[in-house]
Amino acid sequence: MMPETEKGTILYVEDNSDNRSLMRRVLGAEGYLMVEATNAHQAVEKLELENSNIDLILMDINMPDMDGYTLTAKIKSIQKYAKIPIIAVTANVMRGDREKSLEAGCDGYIQKPIDIDTLGQQIERFMTRRNNV
């Protein structure tokens, strides 16, 4: 059941449809509206279409056309989007992967498989931080 009020809008950039479906259900249950992009081009297009309505970006790192590191750096270089928190959501969990995400401009890091029991709390921390800036 969808909550009556939305907590915010999240852009999820992910090429895997199963992952998008899971995230849509989890975020919806938490009270968020999810906008989906399957690649870098679509992500930039959705940012432009939503015209500052995006509160947070969840970024898959391993995508075929442009990886999430490059896309994060590109988004952060555009002044009107630079303050939108970007959270890497990735199966890259080797030593140094978290740091590589942060160096690319990500504000946080969530590893796959996603823990649906803690995802809402993790997202809430970034939403609260953004609203207090």
N, C-alpha and C. Protein backbone atom coordinates (compact mmCIF):
# COMPACT_ATOMS: atom_id res chain seq x y z
N MET A 1 0.84 -1.19 0.00
CA MET A 1 0.00 0.00 0.00
C MET A 1 0.88 1.24 0.00
N MET A 2 0.57 2.21 -0.85
CA MET A 2 1.34 3.42 -0.97
C MET A 2 1.00 4.40 0.16
N PRO A 3 1.99 4.99 0.80
CA PRO A 3 1.72 6.00 1.82
C PRO A 3 1.05 7.22 1.20
N GLU A 4 0.33 7.98 2.03
CA GLU A 4 -0.40 9.13 1.50
C GLU A 4 0.51 10.27 1.08
N THR A 5 1.64 10.45 1.77
CA THR A 5 2.55 11.52 1.40
C THR A 5 3.89 10.94 0.98
N GLU A 6 4.48 11.56 0.00
CA GLU A 6 5.78 11.13 -0.48
C GLU A 6 6.87 11.81 0.35
N LYS A 7 7.90 11.07 0.70
CA LYS A 7 9.02 11.61 1.45
C LYS A 7 10.01 12.33 0.55
N GLY A 8 9.98 12.03 -0.72
CA GLY A 8 10.92 12.64 -1.66
C GLY A 8 11.00 11.80 -2.92
N THR A 9 11.73 12.33 -3.89
CA THR A 9 11.87 11.67 -5.18
C THR A 9 13.31 11.20 -5.37
N ILE A 10 13.45 9.94 -5.71
CA ILE A 10 14.76 9.33 -5.89
C ILE A 10 14.90 8.85 -7.32
N LEU A 11 16.00 9.25 -7.95
CA LEU A 11 16.35 8.75 -9.28
C LEU A 11 17.22 7.52 -9.08
N TYR A 12 16.79 6.38 -9.60
CA TYR A 12 17.57 5.14 -9.51
C TYR A 12 18.11 4.83 -10.89
N VAL A 13 19.42 4.88 -11.04
CA VAL A 13 20.08 4.60 -12.31
C VAL A 13 20.60 3.17 -12.23
N GLU A 14 19.96 2.28 -12.98
CA GLU A 14 20.24 0.84 -12.88
C GLU A 14 19.82 0.17 -14.16
N ASP A 15 20.73 -0.62 -14.77
CA ASP A 15 20.40 -1.28 -16.04
C ASP A 15 19.67 -2.61 -15.84
N ASN A 16 19.67 -3.17 -14.64
CA ASN A 16 19.03 -4.47 -14.39
C ASN A 16 17.57 -4.28 -13.96
N SER A 17 16.65 -4.84 -14.72
CA SER A 17 15.22 -4.63 -14.45
C SER A 17 14.78 -5.27 -13.13
N ASP A 18 15.36 -6.41 -12.75
CA ASP A 18 15.00 -7.04 -11.47
C ASP A 18 15.40 -6.14 -10.31
N ASN A 19 16.57 -5.54 -10.39
CA ASN A 19 17.02 -4.63 -9.33
C ASN A 19 16.12 -3.40 -9.24
N ARG A 20 15.71 -2.87 -10.41
CA ARG A 20 14.81 -1.71 -10.40
C ARG A 20 13.47 -2.08 -9.79
N SER A 21 12.96 -3.25 -10.11
CA SER A 21 11.68 -3.70 -9.58
C SER A 21 11.73 -3.83 -8.06
N LEU A 22 12.78 -4.45 -7.54
CA LEU A 22 12.94 -4.59 -6.10
C LEU A 22 13.02 -3.22 -5.43
N MET A 23 13.85 -2.34 -5.99
CA MET A 23 14.02 -1.02 -5.40
C MET A 23 12.71 -0.23 -5.45
N ARG A 24 11.95 -0.36 -6.53
CA ARG A 24 10.67 0.33 -6.66
C ARG A 24 9.73 -0.09 -5.52
N ARG A 25 9.67 -1.39 -5.24
CA ARG A 25 8.80 -1.89 -4.16
C ARG A 25 9.28 -1.40 -2.79
N VAL A 26 10.57 -1.49 -2.55
CA VAL A 26 11.12 -1.09 -1.25
C VAL A 26 10.95 0.41 -1.03
N LEU A 27 11.34 1.21 -2.01
CA LEU A 27 11.23 2.66 -1.86
C LEU A 27 9.78 3.11 -1.76
N GLY A 28 8.90 2.49 -2.54
CA GLY A 28 7.48 2.80 -2.47
C GLY A 28 6.92 2.52 -1.09
N ALA A 29 7.30 1.40 -0.51
CA ALA A 29 6.84 1.04 0.84
C ALA A 29 7.38 2.01 1.88
N GLU A 30 8.54 2.60 1.60
CA GLU A 30 9.14 3.57 2.52
C GLU A 30 8.58 4.99 2.32
N GLY A 31 7.77 5.18 1.29
CA GLY A 31 7.15 6.48 1.06
C GLY A 31 7.85 7.37 0.06
N TYR A 32 8.74 6.80 -0.74
CA TYR A 32 9.47 7.59 -1.74
C TYR A 32 8.89 7.34 -3.13
N LEU A 33 9.01 8.33 -3.98
CA LEU A 33 8.66 8.20 -5.39
C LEU A 33 9.97 7.89 -6.12
N MET A 34 9.97 6.87 -6.95
CA MET A 34 11.18 6.49 -7.67
C MET A 34 11.04 6.79 -9.15
N VAL A 35 12.04 7.49 -9.68
CA VAL A 35 12.16 7.75 -11.11
C VAL A 35 13.28 6.83 -11.58
N GLU A 36 13.07 6.16 -12.71
CA GLU A 36 14.03 5.16 -13.18
C GLU A 36 14.77 5.61 -14.43
N ALA A 37 16.06 5.26 -14.47
CA ALA A 37 16.87 5.44 -15.67
C ALA A 37 17.68 4.16 -15.85
N THR A 38 17.76 3.69 -17.08
CA THR A 38 18.46 2.42 -17.33
C THR A 38 19.89 2.63 -17.82
N ASN A 39 20.27 3.88 -18.10
CA ASN A 39 21.63 4.17 -18.56
C ASN A 39 21.97 5.64 -18.29
N ALA A 40 23.20 6.02 -18.58
CA ALA A 40 23.68 7.37 -18.30
C ALA A 40 22.89 8.44 -19.06
N HIS A 41 22.65 8.19 -20.35
CA HIS A 41 21.91 9.16 -21.17
C HIS A 41 20.52 9.41 -20.58
N GLN A 42 19.84 8.34 -20.23
CA GLN A 42 18.50 8.45 -19.65
C GLN A 42 18.54 9.17 -18.31
N ALA A 43 19.58 8.93 -17.52
CA ALA A 43 19.71 9.57 -16.20
C ALA A 43 19.78 11.09 -16.34
N VAL A 44 20.60 11.56 -17.27
CA VAL A 44 20.73 13.01 -17.47
C VAL A 44 19.41 13.57 -18.01
N GLU A 45 18.78 12.83 -18.91
CA GLU A 45 17.48 13.23 -19.46
C GLU A 45 16.43 13.35 -18.33
N LYS A 46 16.39 12.37 -17.43
CA LYS A 46 15.42 12.39 -16.33
C LYS A 46 15.69 13.55 -15.38
N LEU A 47 16.96 13.85 -15.12
CA LEU A 47 17.30 15.00 -14.28
C LEU A 47 16.75 16.29 -14.90
N GLU A 48 16.93 16.44 -16.21
CA GLU A 48 16.43 17.63 -16.90
C GLU A 48 14.90 17.68 -16.88
N LEU A 49 14.24 16.54 -17.11
CA LEU A 49 12.77 16.49 -17.13
C LEU A 49 12.18 16.80 -15.75
N GLU A 50 12.80 16.25 -14.71
CA GLU A 50 12.28 16.43 -13.35
C GLU A 50 12.56 17.84 -12.82
N ASN A 51 13.48 18.57 -13.46
CA ASN A 51 13.73 19.97 -13.15
C ASN A 51 13.82 20.25 -11.65
N SER A 52 14.81 19.72 -11.01
CA SER A 52 15.11 19.90 -9.57
C SER A 52 14.17 19.18 -8.61
N ASN A 53 13.35 18.29 -9.09
CA ASN A 53 12.50 17.53 -8.17
C ASN A 53 13.20 16.31 -7.61
N ILE A 54 14.39 15.99 -8.09
CA ILE A 54 15.13 14.82 -7.61
C ILE A 54 15.83 15.20 -6.30
N ASP A 55 15.56 14.42 -5.26
CA ASP A 55 16.14 14.67 -3.95
C ASP A 55 17.39 13.84 -3.70
N LEU A 56 17.52 12.73 -4.41
CA LEU A 56 18.61 11.79 -4.18
C LEU A 56 18.77 10.92 -5.42
N ILE A 57 20.01 10.52 -5.70
CA ILE A 57 20.28 9.61 -6.82
C ILE A 57 20.93 8.35 -6.27
N LEU A 58 20.36 7.21 -6.62
CA LEU A 58 20.98 5.92 -6.33
C LEU A 58 21.63 5.47 -7.63
N MET A 59 22.94 5.26 -7.59
CA MET A 59 23.72 5.04 -8.80
C MET A 59 24.34 3.65 -8.85
N ASP A 60 23.91 2.86 -9.84
CA ASP A 60 24.58 1.59 -10.11
C ASP A 60 25.94 1.95 -10.69
N ILE A 61 26.97 1.20 -10.32
CA ILE A 61 28.31 1.49 -10.82
C ILE A 61 28.60 0.75 -12.13
N ASN A 62 28.17 -0.49 -12.24
CA ASN A 62 28.48 -1.29 -13.43
C ASN A 62 27.35 -1.23 -14.45
N MET A 63 27.49 -0.30 -15.39
CA MET A 63 26.51 -0.16 -16.46
C MET A 63 27.24 -0.22 -17.80
N PRO A 64 26.55 -0.67 -18.85
CA PRO A 64 27.23 -0.90 -20.13
C PRO A 64 27.68 0.35 -20.88
N ASP A 65 26.92 1.42 -20.91
CA ASP A 65 27.28 2.55 -21.76
C ASP A 65 28.29 3.50 -21.11
N MET A 66 28.09 3.80 -19.85
CA MET A 66 28.98 4.67 -19.09
C MET A 66 28.87 4.20 -17.64
N ASP A 67 30.01 3.96 -17.01
CA ASP A 67 29.93 3.45 -15.64
C ASP A 67 29.47 4.53 -14.67
N GLY A 68 29.05 4.10 -13.51
CA GLY A 68 28.50 5.02 -12.51
C GLY A 68 29.51 6.02 -11.98
N TYR A 69 30.78 5.68 -11.99
CA TYR A 69 31.81 6.62 -11.55
C TYR A 69 31.85 7.82 -12.49
N THR A 70 31.88 7.52 -13.79
CA THR A 70 31.94 8.58 -14.80
C THR A 70 30.67 9.41 -14.79
N LEU A 71 29.52 8.74 -14.69
CA LEU A 71 28.25 9.47 -14.67
C LEU A 71 28.14 10.34 -13.42
N THR A 72 28.59 9.84 -12.28
CA THR A 72 28.56 10.64 -11.05
C THR A 72 29.39 11.90 -11.23
N ALA A 73 30.60 11.77 -11.74
CA ALA A 73 31.46 12.93 -11.96
C ALA A 73 30.80 13.92 -12.93
N LYS A 74 30.15 13.40 -13.96
CA LYS A 74 29.47 14.26 -14.94
C LYS A 74 28.33 15.04 -14.27
N ILE A 75 27.50 14.34 -13.47
CA ILE A 75 26.37 15.00 -12.80
C ILE A 75 26.88 16.04 -11.81
N LYS A 76 27.90 15.70 -11.04
CA LYS A 76 28.44 16.61 -10.03
C LYS A 76 29.08 17.85 -10.67
N SER A 77 29.49 17.74 -11.94
CA SER A 77 30.11 18.88 -12.63
C SER A 77 29.07 19.88 -13.15
N ILE A 78 27.79 19.49 -13.13
CA ILE A 78 26.72 20.39 -13.57
C ILE A 78 26.19 21.11 -12.34
N GLN A 79 26.39 22.41 -12.29
CA GLN A 79 26.13 23.18 -11.07
C GLN A 79 24.74 22.96 -10.48
N LYS A 80 23.72 22.93 -11.33
CA LYS A 80 22.36 22.81 -10.78
C LYS A 80 22.07 21.44 -10.18
N TYR A 81 22.91 20.43 -10.46
CA TYR A 81 22.72 19.09 -9.89
C TYR A 81 23.78 18.73 -8.85
N ALA A 82 24.77 19.57 -8.68
CA ALA A 82 25.94 19.24 -7.84
C ALA A 82 25.59 18.92 -6.39
N LYS A 83 24.52 19.50 -5.88
CA LYS A 83 24.18 19.29 -4.47
C LYS A 83 23.26 18.09 -4.23
N ILE A 84 22.81 17.45 -5.30
CA ILE A 84 21.97 16.26 -5.13
C ILE A 84 22.87 15.12 -4.64
N PRO A 85 22.56 14.53 -3.48
CA PRO A 85 23.38 13.42 -3.01
C PRO A 85 23.29 12.23 -3.97
N ILE A 86 24.44 11.62 -4.23
CA ILE A 86 24.49 10.44 -5.07
C ILE A 86 25.06 9.30 -4.23
N ILE A 87 24.32 8.21 -4.17
CA ILE A 87 24.73 7.05 -3.41
C ILE A 87 25.05 5.92 -4.39
N ALA A 88 26.27 5.41 -4.33
CA ALA A 88 26.64 4.26 -5.15
C ALA A 88 25.92 3.03 -4.60
N VAL A 89 25.28 2.30 -5.48
CA VAL A 89 24.64 1.03 -5.12
C VAL A 89 25.31 -0.01 -6.01
N THR A 90 26.15 -0.84 -5.40
CA THR A 90 27.01 -1.66 -6.23
C THR A 90 27.39 -3.00 -5.61
N ALA A 91 27.68 -3.93 -6.48
CA ALA A 91 28.21 -5.22 -6.05
C ALA A 91 29.73 -5.17 -5.95
N ASN A 92 30.32 -4.03 -6.29
CA ASN A 92 31.77 -3.86 -6.17
C ASN A 92 32.12 -3.68 -4.69
N VAL A 93 32.55 -4.74 -4.06
CA VAL A 93 32.81 -4.70 -2.62
C VAL A 93 34.24 -5.10 -2.28
N MET A 94 35.13 -4.99 -3.23
CA MET A 94 36.54 -5.28 -2.97
C MET A 94 37.16 -4.09 -2.25
N ARG A 95 38.31 -4.33 -1.63
CA ARG A 95 39.01 -3.24 -0.94
C ARG A 95 39.27 -2.11 -1.93
N GLY A 96 38.92 -0.91 -1.54
CA GLY A 96 39.13 0.26 -2.38
C GLY A 96 37.92 0.68 -3.20
N ASP A 97 36.92 -0.20 -3.37
CA ASP A 97 35.75 0.15 -4.19
C ASP A 97 34.93 1.27 -3.57
N ARG A 98 34.74 1.23 -2.25
CA ARG A 98 34.00 2.29 -1.57
C ARG A 98 34.71 3.63 -1.77
N GLU A 99 36.02 3.63 -1.59
CA GLU A 99 36.82 4.86 -1.74
C GLU A 99 36.75 5.38 -3.18
N LYS A 100 36.79 4.45 -4.14
CA LYS A 100 36.71 4.85 -5.55
C LYS A 100 35.37 5.53 -5.83
N SER A 101 34.29 5.02 -5.22
CA SER A 101 32.96 5.64 -5.38
C SER A 101 32.96 7.05 -4.80
N LEU A 102 33.53 7.20 -3.62
CA LEU A 102 33.57 8.52 -2.97
C LEU A 102 34.45 9.49 -3.74
N GLU A 103 35.57 9.00 -4.26
CA GLU A 103 36.46 9.85 -5.07
C GLU A 103 35.78 10.33 -6.34
N ALA A 104 34.89 9.52 -6.90
CA ALA A 104 34.17 9.90 -8.12
C ALA A 104 33.11 10.97 -7.83
N GLY A 105 32.80 11.18 -6.54
CA GLY A 105 31.82 12.20 -6.18
C GLY A 105 30.60 11.66 -5.47
N CYS A 106 30.53 10.35 -5.29
CA CYS A 106 29.39 9.78 -4.56
C CYS A 106 29.44 10.25 -3.11
N ASP A 107 28.27 10.46 -2.54
CA ASP A 107 28.17 10.91 -1.15
C ASP A 107 28.02 9.74 -0.20
N GLY A 108 27.81 8.55 -0.74
CA GLY A 108 27.64 7.37 0.09
C GLY A 108 27.76 6.12 -0.75
N TYR A 109 27.61 4.99 -0.08
CA TYR A 109 27.88 3.70 -0.70
C TYR A 109 27.00 2.65 -0.05
N ILE A 110 26.22 1.95 -0.85
CA ILE A 110 25.38 0.84 -0.38
C ILE A 110 25.76 -0.37 -1.22
N GLN A 111 26.10 -1.46 -0.56
CA GLN A 111 26.51 -2.63 -1.34
C GLN A 111 25.33 -3.55 -1.64
N LYS A 112 25.45 -4.21 -2.80
CA LYS A 112 24.49 -5.23 -3.21
C LYS A 112 25.00 -6.56 -2.71
N PRO A 113 24.17 -7.53 -2.39
CA PRO A 113 22.71 -7.39 -2.44
C PRO A 113 22.23 -6.41 -1.37
N ILE A 114 21.19 -5.68 -1.73
CA ILE A 114 20.63 -4.65 -0.86
C ILE A 114 19.94 -5.30 0.34
N ASP A 115 20.19 -4.76 1.51
CA ASP A 115 19.51 -5.20 2.72
C ASP A 115 18.22 -4.39 2.83
N ILE A 116 17.10 -4.99 2.43
CA ILE A 116 15.84 -4.23 2.39
C ILE A 116 15.38 -3.79 3.78
N ASP A 117 15.88 -4.43 4.83
CA ASP A 117 15.49 -4.05 6.18
C ASP A 117 16.17 -2.76 6.64
N THR A 118 17.33 -2.42 6.07
CA THR A 118 18.04 -1.21 6.50
C THR A 118 18.08 -0.12 5.43
N LEU A 119 17.63 -0.44 4.21
CA LEU A 119 17.72 0.53 3.12
C LEU A 119 17.00 1.83 3.45
N GLY A 120 15.80 1.73 4.00
CA GLY A 120 15.04 2.95 4.33
C GLY A 120 15.79 3.86 5.27
N GLN A 121 16.43 3.30 6.28
CA GLN A 121 17.20 4.10 7.24
C GLN A 121 18.40 4.74 6.56
N GLN A 122 19.07 3.98 5.68
CA GLN A 122 20.24 4.52 4.98
C GLN A 122 19.83 5.71 4.12
N ILE A 123 18.74 5.56 3.40
CA ILE A 123 18.26 6.64 2.51
C ILE A 123 17.84 7.85 3.35
N GLU A 124 17.14 7.60 4.44
CA GLU A 124 16.66 8.68 5.31
C GLU A 124 17.81 9.55 5.80
N ARG A 125 18.94 8.92 6.12
CA ARG A 125 20.11 9.69 6.59
C ARG A 125 20.56 10.69 5.54
N PHE A 126 20.60 10.27 4.29
CA PHE A 126 21.04 11.16 3.22
C PHE A 126 19.99 12.22 2.91
N MET A 127 18.72 11.87 2.99
CA MET A 127 17.64 12.84 2.75
C MET A 127 17.67 13.91 3.85
N THR A 128 17.85 13.50 5.09
CA THR A 128 17.90 14.44 6.22
C THR A 128 19.10 15.36 6.06
N ARG A 129 20.24 14.78 5.71
CA ARG A 129 21.45 15.57 5.53
C ARG A 129 21.25 16.62 4.45
N ARG A 130 20.60 16.23 3.34
CA ARG A 130 20.40 17.18 2.24
C ARG A 130 19.46 18.31 2.66
N ASN A 131 18.41 17.96 3.41
CA ASN A 131 17.45 18.96 3.84
C ASN A 131 18.01 19.92 4.88
N ASN A 132 19.11 19.54 5.53
CA ASN A 132 19.72 20.41 6.54
C ASN A 132 20.86 21.25 5.99
N VAL A 133 21.11 21.16 4.67
CA VAL A 133 22.20 21.92 4.06
C VAL A 133 21.74 23.33 3.81
